[in-house]
N, C-alpha and C. Protein backbone atom coordinates (compact mmCIF):
# COMPACT_ATOMS: atom_id res chain seq x y z
N MET A 1 35.14 -46.69 16.68
CA MET A 1 36.56 -46.43 16.81
C MET A 1 36.72 -44.98 17.30
N ASN A 2 37.69 -44.75 18.16
CA ASN A 2 37.96 -43.39 18.61
C ASN A 2 39.31 -42.91 18.08
N ILE A 3 39.68 -41.68 18.42
CA ILE A 3 40.91 -41.08 17.89
C ILE A 3 42.14 -41.86 18.35
N ASN A 4 42.18 -42.27 19.60
CA ASN A 4 43.33 -43.05 20.09
C ASN A 4 43.49 -44.35 19.32
N GLU A 5 42.39 -45.04 19.05
CA GLU A 5 42.44 -46.28 18.28
C GLU A 5 42.90 -46.00 16.85
N LEU A 6 42.42 -44.90 16.27
CA LEU A 6 42.82 -44.51 14.92
C LEU A 6 44.33 -44.28 14.85
N ILE A 7 44.86 -43.57 15.83
CA ILE A 7 46.31 -43.31 15.87
C ILE A 7 47.08 -44.62 15.99
N GLU A 8 46.59 -45.52 16.81
CA GLU A 8 47.27 -46.81 17.00
C GLU A 8 47.26 -47.63 15.71
N ILE A 9 46.12 -47.76 15.07
CA ILE A 9 46.00 -48.58 13.86
C ILE A 9 46.82 -48.02 12.70
N THR A 10 46.85 -46.70 12.58
CA THR A 10 47.59 -46.07 11.49
C THR A 10 49.06 -45.87 11.82
N GLU A 11 49.44 -46.19 13.07
CA GLU A 11 50.79 -45.92 13.57
C GLU A 11 51.12 -44.45 13.32
N GLY A 12 50.11 -43.62 13.60
CA GLY A 12 50.19 -42.20 13.30
C GLY A 12 50.70 -41.34 14.44
N THR A 13 50.91 -40.09 14.10
CA THR A 13 51.34 -39.07 15.06
C THR A 13 50.33 -37.93 15.02
N LEU A 14 49.80 -37.56 16.17
CA LEU A 14 48.85 -36.46 16.27
C LEU A 14 49.60 -35.15 16.09
N LEU A 15 49.14 -34.32 15.15
CA LEU A 15 49.80 -33.05 14.84
C LEU A 15 49.14 -31.86 15.50
N THR A 16 47.90 -32.01 15.90
CA THR A 16 47.14 -30.91 16.49
C THR A 16 47.21 -30.98 18.01
N GLU A 17 46.68 -29.95 18.64
CA GLU A 17 46.64 -29.92 20.10
C GLU A 17 45.78 -31.07 20.61
N PRO A 18 46.09 -31.55 21.81
CA PRO A 18 45.27 -32.64 22.37
C PRO A 18 43.79 -32.25 22.40
N ILE A 19 42.97 -33.20 22.05
CA ILE A 19 41.53 -32.99 21.98
C ILE A 19 40.82 -34.14 22.67
N ASP A 20 39.53 -34.15 22.58
CA ASP A 20 38.74 -35.25 23.13
C ASP A 20 38.97 -36.49 22.25
N CYS A 21 39.82 -37.39 22.72
CA CYS A 21 40.16 -38.57 21.92
C CYS A 21 39.12 -39.67 22.00
N SER A 22 38.02 -39.42 22.71
CA SER A 22 36.95 -40.40 22.77
C SER A 22 35.93 -40.18 21.63
N LYS A 23 36.12 -39.13 20.85
CA LYS A 23 35.22 -38.84 19.73
C LYS A 23 35.11 -40.07 18.82
N THR A 24 33.90 -40.42 18.43
CA THR A 24 33.65 -41.63 17.65
C THR A 24 33.82 -41.37 16.16
N ILE A 25 34.58 -42.26 15.54
CA ILE A 25 34.74 -42.27 14.09
C ILE A 25 33.91 -43.45 13.59
N ARG A 26 32.95 -43.16 12.73
CA ARG A 26 31.99 -44.19 12.32
C ARG A 26 32.32 -44.84 10.98
N GLY A 27 33.21 -44.22 10.18
CA GLY A 27 33.53 -44.76 8.86
C GLY A 27 34.74 -44.06 8.30
N GLY A 28 35.08 -44.40 7.06
CA GLY A 28 36.27 -43.81 6.46
C GLY A 28 36.08 -43.49 4.99
N CYS A 29 36.96 -42.61 4.49
CA CYS A 29 36.94 -42.18 3.10
C CYS A 29 38.36 -41.80 2.71
N GLY A 30 38.77 -42.15 1.52
CA GLY A 30 40.08 -41.75 1.02
C GLY A 30 39.91 -40.94 -0.25
N ALA A 31 40.47 -39.71 -0.29
CA ALA A 31 40.33 -38.87 -1.47
C ALA A 31 41.34 -37.74 -1.45
N ASP A 32 41.74 -37.32 -2.64
CA ASP A 32 42.59 -36.14 -2.80
C ASP A 32 41.84 -35.01 -3.49
N LEU A 33 40.73 -35.30 -4.11
CA LEU A 33 39.90 -34.26 -4.72
C LEU A 33 38.86 -33.80 -3.71
N MET A 34 38.96 -32.56 -3.28
CA MET A 34 38.03 -32.08 -2.26
C MET A 34 36.60 -32.00 -2.79
N SER A 35 36.43 -31.88 -4.10
CA SER A 35 35.08 -31.94 -4.66
C SER A 35 34.47 -33.32 -4.46
N ASP A 36 35.29 -34.37 -4.52
CA ASP A 36 34.80 -35.72 -4.24
C ASP A 36 34.44 -35.86 -2.77
N VAL A 37 35.22 -35.27 -1.90
CA VAL A 37 34.92 -35.32 -0.47
C VAL A 37 33.57 -34.65 -0.21
N LEU A 38 33.37 -33.46 -0.74
CA LEU A 38 32.10 -32.75 -0.54
C LEU A 38 30.92 -33.54 -1.09
N ALA A 39 31.12 -34.24 -2.20
CA ALA A 39 30.03 -34.96 -2.84
C ALA A 39 29.76 -36.34 -2.24
N SER A 40 30.76 -36.93 -1.57
CA SER A 40 30.58 -38.34 -1.22
C SER A 40 30.74 -38.71 0.25
N ILE A 41 31.46 -37.94 1.02
CA ILE A 41 31.74 -38.37 2.39
C ILE A 41 30.52 -38.17 3.29
N GLN A 42 30.38 -39.07 4.25
CA GLN A 42 29.31 -38.97 5.23
C GLN A 42 29.88 -38.44 6.55
N PRO A 43 29.06 -37.83 7.39
CA PRO A 43 29.55 -37.27 8.66
C PRO A 43 30.19 -38.33 9.56
N ASP A 44 31.12 -37.86 10.39
CA ASP A 44 31.82 -38.68 11.38
C ASP A 44 32.79 -39.68 10.77
N ALA A 45 33.26 -39.39 9.57
CA ALA A 45 34.24 -40.24 8.90
C ALA A 45 35.65 -39.70 9.12
N VAL A 46 36.63 -40.57 8.99
CA VAL A 46 38.01 -40.15 8.91
C VAL A 46 38.32 -39.96 7.43
N LEU A 47 39.03 -38.90 7.10
CA LEU A 47 39.44 -38.62 5.73
C LEU A 47 40.92 -38.96 5.59
N LEU A 48 41.23 -39.87 4.68
CA LEU A 48 42.61 -40.19 4.33
C LEU A 48 42.95 -39.38 3.08
N THR A 49 44.04 -38.61 3.13
CA THR A 49 44.38 -37.76 1.99
C THR A 49 45.87 -37.49 1.93
N GLY A 50 46.32 -37.14 0.74
CA GLY A 50 47.70 -36.72 0.54
C GLY A 50 47.82 -35.21 0.41
N LEU A 51 46.69 -34.53 0.41
CA LEU A 51 46.70 -33.07 0.32
C LEU A 51 46.92 -32.47 1.70
N CYS A 52 47.75 -31.44 1.76
CA CYS A 52 48.12 -30.87 3.06
C CYS A 52 47.76 -29.40 3.21
N ASN A 53 47.03 -28.84 2.28
CA ASN A 53 46.74 -27.40 2.34
C ASN A 53 45.54 -27.11 3.25
N PRO A 54 45.34 -25.86 3.64
CA PRO A 54 44.22 -25.52 4.53
C PRO A 54 42.84 -25.88 3.98
N GLN A 55 42.71 -25.97 2.66
CA GLN A 55 41.42 -26.31 2.07
C GLN A 55 40.93 -27.68 2.54
N VAL A 56 41.85 -28.58 2.87
CA VAL A 56 41.46 -29.90 3.39
C VAL A 56 40.70 -29.74 4.70
N VAL A 57 41.17 -28.86 5.55
CA VAL A 57 40.49 -28.62 6.83
C VAL A 57 39.16 -27.93 6.60
N ARG A 58 39.12 -26.93 5.73
CA ARG A 58 37.86 -26.23 5.45
C ARG A 58 36.81 -27.19 4.89
N THR A 59 37.22 -28.03 3.96
CA THR A 59 36.30 -29.02 3.37
C THR A 59 35.83 -30.00 4.44
N SER A 60 36.74 -30.44 5.27
CA SER A 60 36.40 -31.39 6.33
C SER A 60 35.42 -30.79 7.34
N GLN A 61 35.61 -29.52 7.64
CA GLN A 61 34.71 -28.84 8.58
C GLN A 61 33.30 -28.78 7.99
N MET A 62 33.20 -28.46 6.71
CA MET A 62 31.89 -28.39 6.05
C MET A 62 31.22 -29.76 5.95
N SER A 63 32.03 -30.81 5.92
CA SER A 63 31.51 -32.17 5.73
C SER A 63 31.39 -32.95 7.03
N ASP A 64 31.63 -32.30 8.16
CA ASP A 64 31.56 -32.96 9.47
C ASP A 64 32.50 -34.17 9.59
N VAL A 65 33.71 -34.01 9.06
CA VAL A 65 34.72 -35.06 9.15
C VAL A 65 35.22 -35.11 10.59
N ALA A 66 35.42 -36.33 11.11
CA ALA A 66 35.84 -36.51 12.50
C ALA A 66 37.35 -36.34 12.68
N ALA A 67 38.14 -36.70 11.66
CA ALA A 67 39.60 -36.60 11.74
C ALA A 67 40.17 -36.69 10.33
N ILE A 68 41.39 -36.18 10.18
CA ILE A 68 42.09 -36.23 8.90
C ILE A 68 43.41 -36.96 9.12
N VAL A 69 43.70 -37.95 8.26
CA VAL A 69 44.98 -38.65 8.30
C VAL A 69 45.71 -38.35 7.00
N PHE A 70 46.92 -37.79 7.14
CA PHE A 70 47.77 -37.53 5.98
C PHE A 70 48.60 -38.78 5.71
N VAL A 71 48.55 -39.24 4.48
CA VAL A 71 49.21 -40.48 4.09
C VAL A 71 50.67 -40.24 3.72
N ARG A 72 51.42 -41.34 3.63
CA ARG A 72 52.82 -41.34 3.17
C ARG A 72 53.72 -40.41 3.99
N GLY A 73 53.40 -40.23 5.28
CA GLY A 73 54.24 -39.43 6.16
C GLY A 73 54.21 -37.94 5.90
N LYS A 74 53.23 -37.48 5.15
CA LYS A 74 53.16 -36.05 4.83
C LYS A 74 52.84 -35.24 6.09
N THR A 75 53.42 -34.05 6.14
CA THR A 75 53.17 -33.12 7.24
C THR A 75 52.67 -31.81 6.64
N PRO A 76 51.51 -31.35 7.07
CA PRO A 76 50.95 -30.11 6.52
C PRO A 76 51.70 -28.89 7.04
N PRO A 77 51.56 -27.76 6.34
CA PRO A 77 52.17 -26.53 6.83
C PRO A 77 51.49 -26.06 8.13
N GLU A 78 52.19 -25.20 8.85
CA GLU A 78 51.68 -24.70 10.13
C GLU A 78 50.30 -24.05 9.99
N GLU A 79 50.06 -23.38 8.87
CA GLU A 79 48.76 -22.75 8.63
C GLU A 79 47.62 -23.77 8.68
N THR A 80 47.85 -24.94 8.11
CA THR A 80 46.84 -26.00 8.12
C THR A 80 46.62 -26.53 9.53
N ILE A 81 47.70 -26.71 10.27
CA ILE A 81 47.60 -27.21 11.65
C ILE A 81 46.86 -26.20 12.52
N GLN A 82 47.18 -24.93 12.38
CA GLN A 82 46.50 -23.89 13.17
C GLN A 82 45.00 -23.86 12.88
N LEU A 83 44.63 -23.96 11.61
CA LEU A 83 43.21 -23.96 11.24
C LEU A 83 42.51 -25.19 11.84
N ALA A 84 43.15 -26.33 11.79
CA ALA A 84 42.57 -27.55 12.36
C ALA A 84 42.38 -27.41 13.87
N ASN A 85 43.33 -26.78 14.53
CA ASN A 85 43.18 -26.53 15.97
C ASN A 85 41.98 -25.64 16.24
N GLU A 86 41.80 -24.59 15.43
CA GLU A 86 40.66 -23.69 15.59
C GLU A 86 39.34 -24.42 15.38
N GLU A 87 39.32 -25.35 14.43
CA GLU A 87 38.09 -26.08 14.09
C GLU A 87 37.93 -27.37 14.89
N CYS A 88 38.90 -27.67 15.76
CA CYS A 88 38.87 -28.89 16.59
C CYS A 88 38.80 -30.17 15.75
N ILE A 89 39.55 -30.18 14.66
CA ILE A 89 39.63 -31.38 13.82
C ILE A 89 41.02 -31.97 13.99
N PRO A 90 41.12 -33.19 14.52
CA PRO A 90 42.43 -33.78 14.72
C PRO A 90 43.12 -34.09 13.39
N LEU A 91 44.40 -33.73 13.32
CA LEU A 91 45.24 -34.06 12.17
C LEU A 91 46.26 -35.10 12.61
N ILE A 92 46.39 -36.13 11.80
CA ILE A 92 47.30 -37.23 12.09
C ILE A 92 48.14 -37.49 10.85
N THR A 93 49.42 -37.75 11.02
CA THR A 93 50.23 -38.17 9.89
C THR A 93 50.62 -39.63 10.10
N SER A 94 50.59 -40.40 9.01
CA SER A 94 50.92 -41.82 9.06
C SER A 94 51.94 -42.14 7.98
N PRO A 95 52.86 -43.03 8.26
CA PRO A 95 53.87 -43.37 7.25
C PRO A 95 53.33 -44.22 6.09
N TYR A 96 52.12 -44.73 6.22
CA TYR A 96 51.59 -45.64 5.20
C TYR A 96 50.83 -44.90 4.11
N GLY A 97 50.73 -45.54 2.96
CA GLY A 97 49.97 -45.00 1.84
C GLY A 97 48.47 -45.16 2.03
N MET A 98 47.72 -44.52 1.16
CA MET A 98 46.26 -44.54 1.27
C MET A 98 45.70 -45.95 1.13
N PHE A 99 46.27 -46.73 0.22
CA PHE A 99 45.77 -48.09 -0.01
C PHE A 99 45.94 -48.94 1.25
N GLU A 100 47.13 -48.92 1.84
CA GLU A 100 47.36 -49.73 3.03
C GLU A 100 46.54 -49.25 4.22
N LEU A 101 46.45 -47.92 4.39
CA LEU A 101 45.65 -47.40 5.50
C LEU A 101 44.18 -47.77 5.36
N SER A 102 43.67 -47.71 4.15
CA SER A 102 42.27 -48.11 3.92
C SER A 102 42.07 -49.56 4.34
N GLY A 103 43.00 -50.41 3.97
CA GLY A 103 42.90 -51.83 4.33
C GLY A 103 43.00 -52.05 5.83
N ARG A 104 43.93 -51.36 6.47
CA ARG A 104 44.08 -51.49 7.92
C ARG A 104 42.81 -51.08 8.66
N LEU A 105 42.24 -49.96 8.25
CA LEU A 105 41.04 -49.46 8.93
C LEU A 105 39.83 -50.34 8.64
N PHE A 106 39.71 -50.80 7.41
CA PHE A 106 38.60 -51.70 7.06
C PHE A 106 38.72 -53.01 7.85
N GLN A 107 39.93 -53.54 7.93
CA GLN A 107 40.16 -54.78 8.67
C GLN A 107 39.86 -54.61 10.16
N ALA A 108 40.04 -53.39 10.66
CA ALA A 108 39.74 -53.10 12.07
C ALA A 108 38.25 -52.87 12.30
N GLY A 109 37.44 -52.98 11.24
CA GLY A 109 35.99 -52.87 11.39
C GLY A 109 35.39 -51.54 10.99
N LEU A 110 36.19 -50.64 10.43
CA LEU A 110 35.68 -49.33 10.02
C LEU A 110 35.10 -49.46 8.60
N PRO A 111 33.81 -49.17 8.40
CA PRO A 111 33.21 -49.29 7.08
C PRO A 111 33.51 -48.07 6.20
N SER A 112 33.29 -48.23 4.93
CA SER A 112 33.40 -47.11 3.99
C SER A 112 32.26 -46.14 4.24
N PHE A 113 32.60 -44.85 4.26
CA PHE A 113 31.58 -43.81 4.40
C PHE A 113 31.59 -42.92 3.16
N GLU A 114 31.70 -43.56 2.01
CA GLU A 114 31.67 -42.85 0.72
C GLU A 114 30.37 -43.20 0.00
N ARG A 115 29.68 -42.16 -0.44
CA ARG A 115 28.50 -42.35 -1.26
C ARG A 115 28.94 -42.40 -2.72
N PRO A 116 28.23 -43.16 -3.56
CA PRO A 116 28.56 -43.15 -4.99
C PRO A 116 28.38 -41.76 -5.59
N ILE A 117 29.25 -41.40 -6.51
CA ILE A 117 29.15 -40.11 -7.21
C ILE A 117 28.76 -40.39 -8.65
N SER A 118 27.66 -39.81 -9.06
CA SER A 118 27.18 -39.98 -10.43
C SER A 118 27.91 -39.04 -11.35
N ASP A 119 28.19 -39.49 -12.59
CA ASP A 119 28.83 -38.63 -13.59
C ASP A 119 27.85 -37.68 -14.23
N ASN A 120 26.56 -37.82 -13.93
CA ASN A 120 25.55 -36.98 -14.57
C ASN A 120 25.52 -35.60 -13.99
């Protein structure tokens, strides 16, 4: 799946500057705890989240996230958008919740890219 397909499936709006929309997204992950993202996400995944602060972009950059989709129509502050532009990470906002977006993307053939997290 590429960025254009992701935008179409999520009925999303691209918030960042135009980028290479042919970039491949290989899987997906939904999380609001950035510690869970760091511990479980695999590279080239799309991150579905309700958090809109710059830390989401910093965490995504460290985790090699391919794109970030903000759920429930959330729009991040300009600081977050500027950081994403600097890091070349596409930001998308979608009117749907995390549960529905996960289902839409899974139904479109995108697998889960979350590793199990041990409580130990």
